[in-house]
Structure formats: structure tokens, C-alpha cells
């Protein structure tokens, strides 16, 4: 058998021991992938929502530890006219985003928006009509209508208040198409946690010749104590403190996976080397150098951990896809990117090298005469 063939075959001589080692490491790898997908999903969702309708920038309140769906303070609706009067701003609209669940419970976030501003959000009515701001009427996104099994002229309840579904819409944005829209005042008064004139965010579009950064600076210089201007992904990430927590958890899990995985691999490989003492003695007697023995044992360790990396990544992908279909987090809650997979396989390789080094070093210390006499 070739040298490479030995490296791939030896780790699986004891299938039970190899399986246990792979399972232990793959759980950590899967967790890294899942947390990475959730983090990417949060960034993408916040980015898509805050940039709804192709706005050039968004304005919200200051960040707080626990507040609205964005983790920022609500602001008074009067700020909309203030932003509209900023030089370079073409139009600004206020939106109130509520986290009141529909009854029966489903993922259909309720958003308050003046019907005249619906074009700003790229809302296209495909069935029925636009709601009347002063009536208990609502429009559902295509995805939310399917999830709730509702159509035009059906009724839906939010916080004990019954709304008539008067239209179904599409925006081309999966996040918005999973929402429900009603009149701004209607939603403001519906949410017990909000003031009557609260809004969550202001979306703004600029004049064609206006510079985003210049307008942003004007707002920050004049109203920076009260408002946060969002015009880049970095700003969006700074709003969502929970992303930092998830990232920290991901690295914590990575470190834990390295420690636990390395201990498991050390145990597995030390036992394997111990059981193959005579075999290693024969190989050394046949002229195998210490470097070749070291490479073989390290290679076997890497085969185990990379196998765990592949299995763990597949488990992470399946879990991320399942999360997207749960009623708890909703669609697009996770986003699979290359980053967590790079991190996961990086952990697998580090675990393989760390876990395999001591057993490999121990194998090179065996004397051929002693090893050949081992029973």
C-alpha cells in the first residue's frame, strides 16, 4: 500500500474510536457554521430593510441595549420634516416597524407607512388595492399572505385589533414581502410600547447631484446628539450590538472546539500509536525516517479532523436551512457565506495539527529494537 493510502486507511482501523472523535469535532464545526450563517443573515436582513426602496441613507434614533427591532430609540415623526428640509435631500419618509405578531402567530411583521409613500418602498399591489390610512385596512406581502393563508377580503388580528386584508403586494425584497403594511397612525396607536407619534426609521433619497457623505455629515453635525445616520454596512453593523455577541460566541465556540477536539484527537492518536508500536518499529527497521513517521501520524490526525470538518459543515448547512423554515426566526434568518466554512476548516486543521503533534512526536521516539520486541 502507498504511503498516502496508509494515511487515509490507518485512522479508521478502529471505527468506533474514529467515529467518536469525528462526532465530537463535527459538533463544534457545525456550531461555527450555524452561528456564522446567523450573523451573516442578521447583517443582510438589517441591510436590506434599512435600504428599503433603494434609499440613499436611513436615519434612526440612538442605539440602546433594548429597544425597537433595530436596538435603537424610536424618534418623533417631526424629524421627517426636519430631514426633508436638509439641503440635498429629495424626499424623506417615516416608517414605524412593530414587532407585534399576527394572530394566529406567524412571521408577518407589521409596518406603519402612509399610503402616499408606498411608491418609495417599491410596493406593487398585485391583488386588491392600497389601504386607506384612516381605516382598519392592511396589505400583506406575497410571502406573508402565503404563510398566513390569507387573501383579499380576509381578516387578520394584531394586538386584539382586527384588520381587513385589502391587498397583496410584492416588492422584490424577500424581507419586505414577508411583512404587512397599514397606515402609519394606525400602527403607532396599536403598539402599546410606542408613543402616538413614534417612528422607527426615516428613509431618505437625495437629489441626483447630492453627495451622500456630505448630506450625512450635515445631519450628524446638526442633530448627531439625537439621530444616527446609516449609509454603509459598517454603520449598520454598529447599530446591531447582537452581531458582536454572536461573533464573540462564534470565536468562543471555535476556541472550545479547538481545545476539546485537540484533547480528543490526542487521546485517539496516542492510543492508535500505542496499539501500533510493533508496526512502527517494523517501519523504522525498514528504513523509515523519523520525518516520515511524523508526517504519517500528523496526516492521519488531519484526515480525522478534516473528515469532521466536512461532516460538521454539512450538518451546519442543513441546520441553517431548517432555521430558515421555522416559525421562530422566519425566512432568510441565516445566510450561508464562505467565511464560516473557512473558519470551520481552519479550526479543523489547527485541531489536527495540535492533536496529532504529540502522538507523532512520541512515535518518532520509539526505538526499533524496543518496538519490535513489544507485545
Protein backbone atom coordinates (compact mmCIF):
# COMPACT_ATOMS: atom_id res chain seq x y z
CA UNK A 1 0.00 0.00 0.00
CA UNK A 2 1.24 3.51 -0.82
CA UNK A 3 2.27 6.00 1.85
CA UNK A 4 -0.80 8.15 1.09
CA UNK A 5 -3.02 5.09 1.27
CA UNK A 6 -1.73 4.30 4.76
CA UNK A 7 -2.52 7.84 5.92
CA UNK A 8 -6.14 7.54 4.76
CA UNK A 9 -6.65 3.97 5.99
CA UNK A 10 -4.96 3.92 9.40
CA UNK A 11 -7.26 6.37 11.22
CA UNK A 12 -10.26 4.10 10.58
CA UNK A 13 -8.81 0.82 11.78
CA UNK A 14 -10.77 1.28 14.99
CA UNK A 15 -14.03 2.59 13.56
CA UNK A 16 -15.74 3.22 16.91
CA UNK A 17 -12.89 5.34 18.25
CA UNK A 18 -12.57 7.27 14.99
CA UNK A 19 -16.33 7.86 14.83
CA UNK A 20 -16.44 9.26 18.37
CA UNK A 21 -13.56 11.63 17.63
CA UNK A 22 -15.20 12.81 14.40
CA UNK A 23 -18.60 13.32 16.04
CA UNK A 24 -17.10 15.39 18.86
CA UNK A 25 -15.25 17.71 16.49
CA UNK A 26 -18.04 17.91 13.89
CA UNK A 27 -20.49 19.24 16.50
CA UNK A 28 -18.16 22.16 17.18
CA UNK A 29 -17.65 22.71 13.44
CA UNK A 30 -21.42 22.66 12.81
CA UNK A 31 -21.94 25.23 15.56
CA UNK A 32 -19.36 27.54 13.98
CA UNK A 33 -21.12 27.30 10.60
CA UNK A 34 -24.59 27.89 12.11
CA UNK A 35 -23.52 30.92 14.15
CA UNK A 36 -21.68 32.33 11.16
CA UNK A 37 -24.79 31.89 8.99
CA UNK A 38 -27.00 33.58 11.61
CA UNK A 39 -24.58 36.51 11.86
CA UNK A 40 -24.47 36.91 8.06
CA UNK A 41 -28.27 36.63 7.94
CA UNK A 42 -28.72 39.38 10.51
CA UNK A 43 -26.35 41.71 8.66
CA UNK A 44 -28.07 41.00 5.35
CA UNK A 45 -31.59 41.42 6.76
CA UNK A 46 -30.77 44.69 8.51
CA UNK A 47 -29.02 45.92 5.37
CA UNK A 48 -31.98 45.02 3.15
CA UNK A 49 -34.59 46.53 5.45
CA UNK A 50 -32.72 49.75 6.15
CA UNK A 51 -32.10 50.20 2.43
CA UNK A 52 -35.71 49.53 1.51
CA UNK A 53 -36.90 51.22 -1.64
CA UNK A 54 -33.36 52.00 -2.70
CA UNK A 55 -32.97 54.79 -0.17
CA UNK A 56 -29.61 56.57 -0.14
CA UNK A 57 -29.43 56.55 3.64
CA UNK A 58 -31.54 55.91 6.71
CA UNK A 59 -31.93 57.87 9.93
CA UNK A 60 -32.81 56.35 13.29
CA UNK A 61 -32.54 57.14 16.98
CA UNK A 62 -29.51 56.49 19.12
CA UNK A 63 -28.53 52.91 19.94
CA UNK A 64 -29.80 51.39 23.18
CA UNK A 65 -29.35 47.99 24.78
CA UNK A 66 -33.00 47.04 24.44
CA UNK A 67 -35.48 48.98 22.34
CA UNK A 68 -37.01 48.65 18.92
CA UNK A 69 -36.42 45.91 16.38
CA UNK A 70 -33.14 47.66 15.47
CA UNK A 71 -31.95 48.18 19.02
CA UNK A 72 -32.35 51.96 18.67
CA UNK A 73 -34.62 54.52 20.26
CA UNK A 74 -37.82 55.49 18.49
CA UNK A 75 -37.84 59.08 17.27
CA UNK A 76 -40.65 61.61 16.86
CA UNK A 77 -42.34 61.85 13.49
CA UNK A 78 -41.48 65.56 13.35
CA UNK A 79 -37.92 64.57 12.41
CA UNK A 80 -39.23 63.60 8.95
CA UNK A 81 -39.88 67.23 8.02
CA UNK A 82 -36.53 68.21 9.54
CA UNK A 83 -34.68 65.73 7.31
CA UNK A 84 -36.77 66.79 4.30
CA UNK A 85 -35.53 70.35 4.80
CA UNK A 86 -31.85 69.35 4.71
CA UNK A 87 -30.16 70.64 1.55
CA UNK A 88 -29.61 67.77 -0.88
CA UNK A 89 -32.48 65.61 0.41
CA UNK A 90 -35.09 64.96 -2.27
CA UNK A 91 -37.61 63.10 -0.12
CA UNK A 92 -37.73 61.50 3.31
CA UNK A 93 -40.44 59.22 4.70
CA UNK A 94 -41.05 57.91 8.20
CA UNK A 95 -41.75 54.26 8.99
CA UNK A 96 -42.83 52.60 12.19
CA UNK A 97 -41.77 48.96 12.50
CA UNK A 98 -43.64 46.95 15.09
CA UNK A 99 -42.82 43.51 16.44
CA UNK A 100 -46.47 42.74 17.24
CA UNK A 101 -47.15 39.19 15.99
CA UNK A 102 -50.15 38.32 13.89
CA UNK A 103 -52.84 36.11 15.36
CA UNK A 104 -52.53 33.23 14.73
CA UNK A 105 -48.81 33.67 15.33
CA UNK A 106 -46.81 33.92 12.13
CA UNK A 107 -43.85 35.79 10.74
CA UNK A 108 -45.61 38.87 9.40
CA UNK A 109 -44.01 41.97 10.96
CA UNK A 110 -46.42 44.92 10.91
CA UNK A 111 -45.07 48.15 9.40
CA UNK A 112 -46.75 51.53 9.59
CA UNK A 113 -46.42 53.68 6.47
CA UNK A 114 -48.50 56.46 4.95
CA UNK A 115 -50.16 55.06 1.84
CA UNK A 116 -48.91 58.01 -0.24
CA UNK A 117 -45.34 56.89 0.50
CA UNK A 118 -45.84 53.31 -0.73
CA UNK A 119 -44.02 54.01 -4.02
CA UNK A 120 -40.93 54.89 -2.02
CA UNK A 121 -40.86 51.30 -0.73
CA UNK A 122 -41.37 49.89 -4.25
CA UNK A 123 -44.68 48.36 -3.14
CA UNK A 124 -46.58 46.99 -6.14
CA UNK A 125 -50.16 45.84 -5.47
CA UNK A 126 -50.76 42.56 -7.33
CA UNK A 127 -54.25 41.85 -5.92
CA UNK A 128 -56.82 44.18 -4.42
CA UNK A 129 -55.94 47.78 -3.58
CA UNK A 130 -53.87 50.02 -1.30
CA UNK A 131 -55.13 50.52 2.26
CA UNK A 132 -56.88 53.66 3.47
CA UNK A 133 -54.81 55.27 6.21
CA UNK A 134 -57.85 56.10 8.33
CA UNK A 135 -59.46 52.66 8.14
CA UNK A 136 -58.59 49.30 9.72
CA UNK A 137 -57.17 48.00 6.47
CA UNK A 138 -53.96 46.20 5.75
CA UNK A 139 -51.95 44.86 2.82
CA UNK A 140 -49.90 41.66 3.02
CA UNK A 141 -46.72 40.79 1.21
CA UNK A 142 -46.92 37.80 -1.08
CA UNK A 143 -44.86 35.66 1.28
CA UNK A 144 -46.73 36.70 4.42
CA UNK A 145 -50.08 36.02 2.69
CA UNK A 146 -48.90 32.51 1.85
CA UNK A 147 -47.60 31.97 5.38
CA UNK A 148 -50.84 33.18 6.96
CA UNK A 149 -53.00 31.55 4.28
CA UNK A 150 -54.80 34.86 3.77
CA UNK A 151 -56.12 36.62 0.70
CA UNK A 152 -58.01 39.79 -0.20
CA UNK A 153 -61.14 40.37 1.96
CA UNK A 154 -59.88 38.05 4.72
CA UNK A 155 -59.28 39.38 8.24
CA UNK A 156 -56.19 39.28 10.44
CA UNK A 157 -55.70 40.32 14.06
CA UNK A 158 -52.83 42.31 15.57
CA UNK A 159 -52.82 43.00 19.32
CA UNK A 160 -56.55 42.29 19.53
CA UNK A 161 -57.44 44.61 16.66
CA UNK A 162 -58.96 43.13 13.51
CA UNK A 163 -57.79 44.35 10.11
CA UNK A 164 -59.29 43.67 6.72
CA UNK A 165 -56.83 42.49 4.08
CA UNK A 166 -57.49 44.77 1.11
CA UNK A 167 -54.43 43.97 -0.98
CA UNK A 168 -51.49 41.67 -1.67
CA UNK A 169 -48.18 43.26 -2.71
CA UNK A 170 -44.70 42.44 -3.95
CA UNK A 171 -41.52 44.49 -3.66
CA UNK A 172 -38.85 42.11 -4.93
CA UNK A 173 -37.32 42.19 -1.45
CA UNK A 174 -37.97 38.90 0.36
CA UNK A 175 -37.77 40.58 3.76
CA UNK A 176 -40.42 43.18 2.92
CA UNK A 177 -42.58 40.63 1.10
CA UNK A 178 -42.85 38.80 4.41
CA UNK A 179 -44.32 41.89 6.10
CA UNK A 180 -47.71 43.55 6.47
CA UNK A 181 -48.33 47.28 5.93
CA UNK A 182 -51.01 49.52 7.42
CA UNK A 183 -51.46 53.26 7.94
CA UNK A 184 -48.71 54.90 9.98
CA UNK A 185 -51.04 56.38 12.62
CA UNK A 186 -52.90 53.10 12.82
CA UNK A 187 -49.79 51.12 13.73
CA UNK A 188 -48.40 53.82 16.03
CA UNK A 189 -51.54 53.70 18.19
CA UNK A 190 -51.75 49.90 18.00
CA UNK A 191 -48.37 49.29 19.63
CA UNK A 192 -48.67 49.72 23.42
CA UNK A 193 -44.92 50.32 23.76
CA UNK A 194 -44.85 53.33 21.41
CA UNK A 195 -45.85 56.95 21.65
CA UNK A 196 -48.51 58.19 19.23
CA UNK A 197 -46.00 59.97 17.00
CA UNK A 198 -43.13 57.49 17.20
CA UNK A 199 -41.33 56.24 14.13
CA UNK A 200 -38.57 53.66 13.94
CA UNK A 201 -36.60 54.87 10.95
CA UNK A 202 -36.57 57.55 8.27
CA UNK A 203 -35.67 56.59 4.71
CA UNK A 204 -34.24 59.33 2.53
CA UNK A 205 -33.39 59.76 -1.13
CA UNK A 206 -31.09 62.51 -2.33
CA UNK A 207 -31.11 64.87 -5.27
CA UNK A 208 -29.22 63.50 -8.25
CA UNK A 209 -26.24 65.80 -7.77
CA UNK A 210 -26.09 65.45 -3.97
CA UNK A 211 -23.24 63.67 -2.18
CA UNK A 212 -24.31 61.09 0.40
CA UNK A 213 -21.36 61.69 2.73
CA UNK A 214 -21.80 65.47 2.65
CA UNK A 215 -25.51 65.25 3.48
CA UNK A 216 -24.79 62.66 6.16
CA UNK A 217 -22.22 65.00 7.74
CA UNK A 218 -24.70 67.90 7.74
CA UNK A 219 -27.24 65.81 9.65
CA UNK A 220 -24.66 64.45 12.08
CA UNK A 221 -23.19 67.91 12.75
CA UNK A 222 -26.62 69.42 13.40
CA UNK A 223 -28.51 66.55 15.03
CA UNK A 224 -25.90 63.97 15.96
CA UNK A 225 -26.92 64.04 19.62
CA UNK A 226 -30.37 62.73 18.72
CA UNK A 227 -30.02 60.84 15.45
CA UNK A 228 -27.91 58.13 13.86
CA UNK A 229 -27.37 58.29 10.09
CA UNK A 230 -26.89 54.97 8.34
CA UNK A 231 -25.32 54.87 4.92
CA UNK A 232 -22.89 51.96 4.94
CA UNK A 233 -22.71 48.35 6.07
CA UNK A 234 -20.22 49.30 8.78
CA UNK A 235 -22.75 51.75 10.25
CA UNK A 236 -25.44 49.09 10.11
CA UNK A 237 -23.21 46.65 11.94
CA UNK A 238 -22.51 49.24 14.61
CA UNK A 239 -26.25 49.51 15.28
CA UNK A 240 -26.74 45.79 15.84
CA UNK A 241 -24.84 45.04 19.06
CA UNK A 242 -26.16 41.50 18.97
CA UNK A 243 -23.92 40.81 15.97
CA UNK A 244 -20.86 41.40 18.12
CA UNK A 245 -22.25 38.98 20.69
CA UNK A 246 -22.81 36.31 18.06
CA UNK A 247 -19.36 36.88 16.58
CA UNK A 248 -17.84 36.57 20.06
CA UNK A 249 -19.84 33.38 20.60
CA UNK A 250 -18.59 32.02 17.28
CA UNK A 251 -14.96 32.61 18.24
CA UNK A 252 -15.65 31.20 21.70
CA UNK A 253 -17.10 28.06 20.15
CA UNK A 254 -14.11 27.90 17.81
CA UNK A 255 -11.70 28.04 20.74
CA UNK A 256 -13.70 25.45 22.64
CA UNK A 257 -13.80 23.23 19.56
CA UNK A 258 -10.02 23.52 19.26
CA UNK A 259 -9.46 22.57 22.91
CA UNK A 260 -12.00 19.74 23.06
CA UNK A 261 -11.11 18.50 19.60
CA UNK A 262 -7.38 18.56 20.30
CA UNK A 263 -7.83 16.58 23.52
CA UNK A 264 -10.00 14.05 21.69
CA UNK A 265 -7.55 13.70 18.82
CA UNK A 266 -4.57 13.40 21.19
CA UNK A 267 -6.35 10.60 23.02
CA UNK A 268 -7.33 8.87 19.79
CA UNK A 269 -3.92 9.14 18.17
CA UNK A 270 -1.91 8.28 21.31
CA UNK A 271 -3.98 5.11 21.66
CA UNK A 272 -3.52 4.33 17.97
CA UNK A 273 0.26 4.82 18.20
CA UNK A 274 0.37 2.68 21.36
CA UNK A 275 -1.50 -0.14 19.60
CA UNK A 276 0.79 0.10 16.56
CA UNK A 277 4.07 0.19 18.46
CA UNK A 278 5.34 -3.02 16.86
CA UNK A 279 4.19 -1.89 13.41
CA UNK A 280 6.05 1.42 13.75
CA UNK A 281 9.12 -0.49 14.88
CA UNK A 282 8.95 -2.59 11.73
CA UNK A 283 8.65 0.54 9.57
CA UNK A 284 11.67 2.12 11.27
CA UNK A 285 13.63 -1.11 10.89
CA UNK A 286 12.80 -1.00 7.17
CA UNK A 287 14.43 2.41 6.94
CA UNK A 288 11.59 4.84 7.55
CA UNK A 289 12.99 8.11 8.85
CA UNK A 290 11.51 9.95 11.82
CA UNK A 291 10.27 12.68 9.49
CA UNK A 292 8.23 10.16 7.51
CA UNK A 293 6.75 8.65 10.71
CA UNK A 294 5.91 12.16 11.93
CA UNK A 295 4.25 13.03 8.60
CA UNK A 296 2.22 9.81 8.63
CA UNK A 297 0.80 10.31 12.13
CA UNK A 298 0.11 14.02 11.57
CA UNK A 299 -1.53 13.11 8.25
CA UNK A 300 -3.77 10.57 9.97
CA UNK A 301 -4.78 13.17 12.52
CA UNK A 302 -5.63 15.65 9.76
CA UNK A 303 -7.69 13.02 7.93
CA UNK A 304 -9.86 12.62 11.04
CA UNK A 305 -10.31 16.35 11.66
CA UNK A 306 -10.91 17.27 8.02
CA UNK A 307 -13.49 14.47 7.82
CA UNK A 308 -15.10 16.04 10.89
CA UNK A 309 -14.92 19.43 9.17
CA UNK A 310 -16.78 18.11 6.12
CA UNK A 311 -19.45 16.36 8.21
CA UNK A 312 -19.80 19.33 10.56
CA UNK A 313 -20.15 21.74 7.63
CA UNK A 314 -22.88 19.59 6.07
CA UNK A 315 -24.70 19.47 9.41
CA UNK A 316 -24.35 23.24 9.71
CA UNK A 317 -25.80 23.77 6.22
CA UNK A 318 -28.78 21.52 6.99
CA UNK A 319 -29.39 23.27 10.32
CA UNK A 320 -29.15 26.73 8.70
CA UNK A 321 -31.68 25.74 6.04
CA UNK A 322 -34.02 24.32 8.68
CA UNK A 323 -33.78 27.53 10.72
CA UNK A 324 -34.98 29.46 7.66
CA UNK A 325 -38.15 27.35 7.66
CA UNK A 326 -39.01 27.68 11.34
CA UNK A 327 -41.70 30.00 12.64
CA UNK A 328 -39.34 31.35 15.30
CA UNK A 329 -36.76 33.15 13.19
CA UNK A 330 -38.51 33.27 9.84
CA UNK A 331 -37.19 33.14 6.25
CA UNK A 332 -33.70 34.36 5.41
CA UNK A 333 -32.74 34.27 9.10
CA UNK A 334 -29.47 32.64 8.05
CA UNK A 335 -27.20 33.35 5.12
CA UNK A 336 -24.55 30.86 4.07
CA UNK A 337 -21.31 32.56 3.08
CA UNK A 338 -17.79 31.25 2.59
CA UNK A 339 -16.45 32.89 5.78
CA UNK A 340 -17.76 30.40 8.39
CA UNK A 341 -16.62 27.48 6.24
CA UNK A 342 -13.10 28.91 6.02
CA UNK A 343 -13.16 29.42 9.78
CA UNK A 344 -14.54 25.91 10.35
CA UNK A 345 -11.89 24.21 8.23
CA UNK A 346 -9.22 26.41 9.76
CA UNK A 347 -10.30 25.07 13.16
CA UNK A 348 -10.27 21.51 11.81
CA UNK A 349 -6.71 21.86 10.51
CA UNK A 350 -5.49 23.51 13.73
CA UNK A 351 -7.11 20.73 15.79
CA UNK A 352 -5.49 18.12 13.54
CA UNK A 353 -2.02 19.63 13.86
CA UNK A 354 -2.25 20.30 17.60
CA UNK A 355 -3.91 16.99 18.38
CA UNK A 356 -1.57 14.98 16.20
CA UNK A 357 1.75 16.55 17.12
CA UNK A 358 2.35 14.85 20.49
CA UNK A 359 1.37 11.35 19.27
CA UNK A 360 3.51 11.89 16.16
CA UNK A 361 6.48 13.05 18.25
CA UNK A 362 6.02 10.05 20.55
CA UNK A 363 6.03 7.72 17.56
CA UNK A 364 9.35 9.13 16.36
CA UNK A 365 10.90 8.47 19.81
CA UNK A 366 10.26 4.74 19.58
CA UNK A 367 13.44 2.70 19.19
CA UNK A 368 13.15 -0.04 16.52
CA UNK A 369 14.60 -2.74 18.80
CA UNK A 370 12.21 -1.93 21.65
CA UNK A 371 9.25 -1.59 19.33
CA UNK A 372 9.92 -4.90 17.61
CA UNK A 373 10.01 -6.62 20.98
CA UNK A 374 6.71 -5.04 22.07
CA UNK A 375 3.76 -7.40 22.54
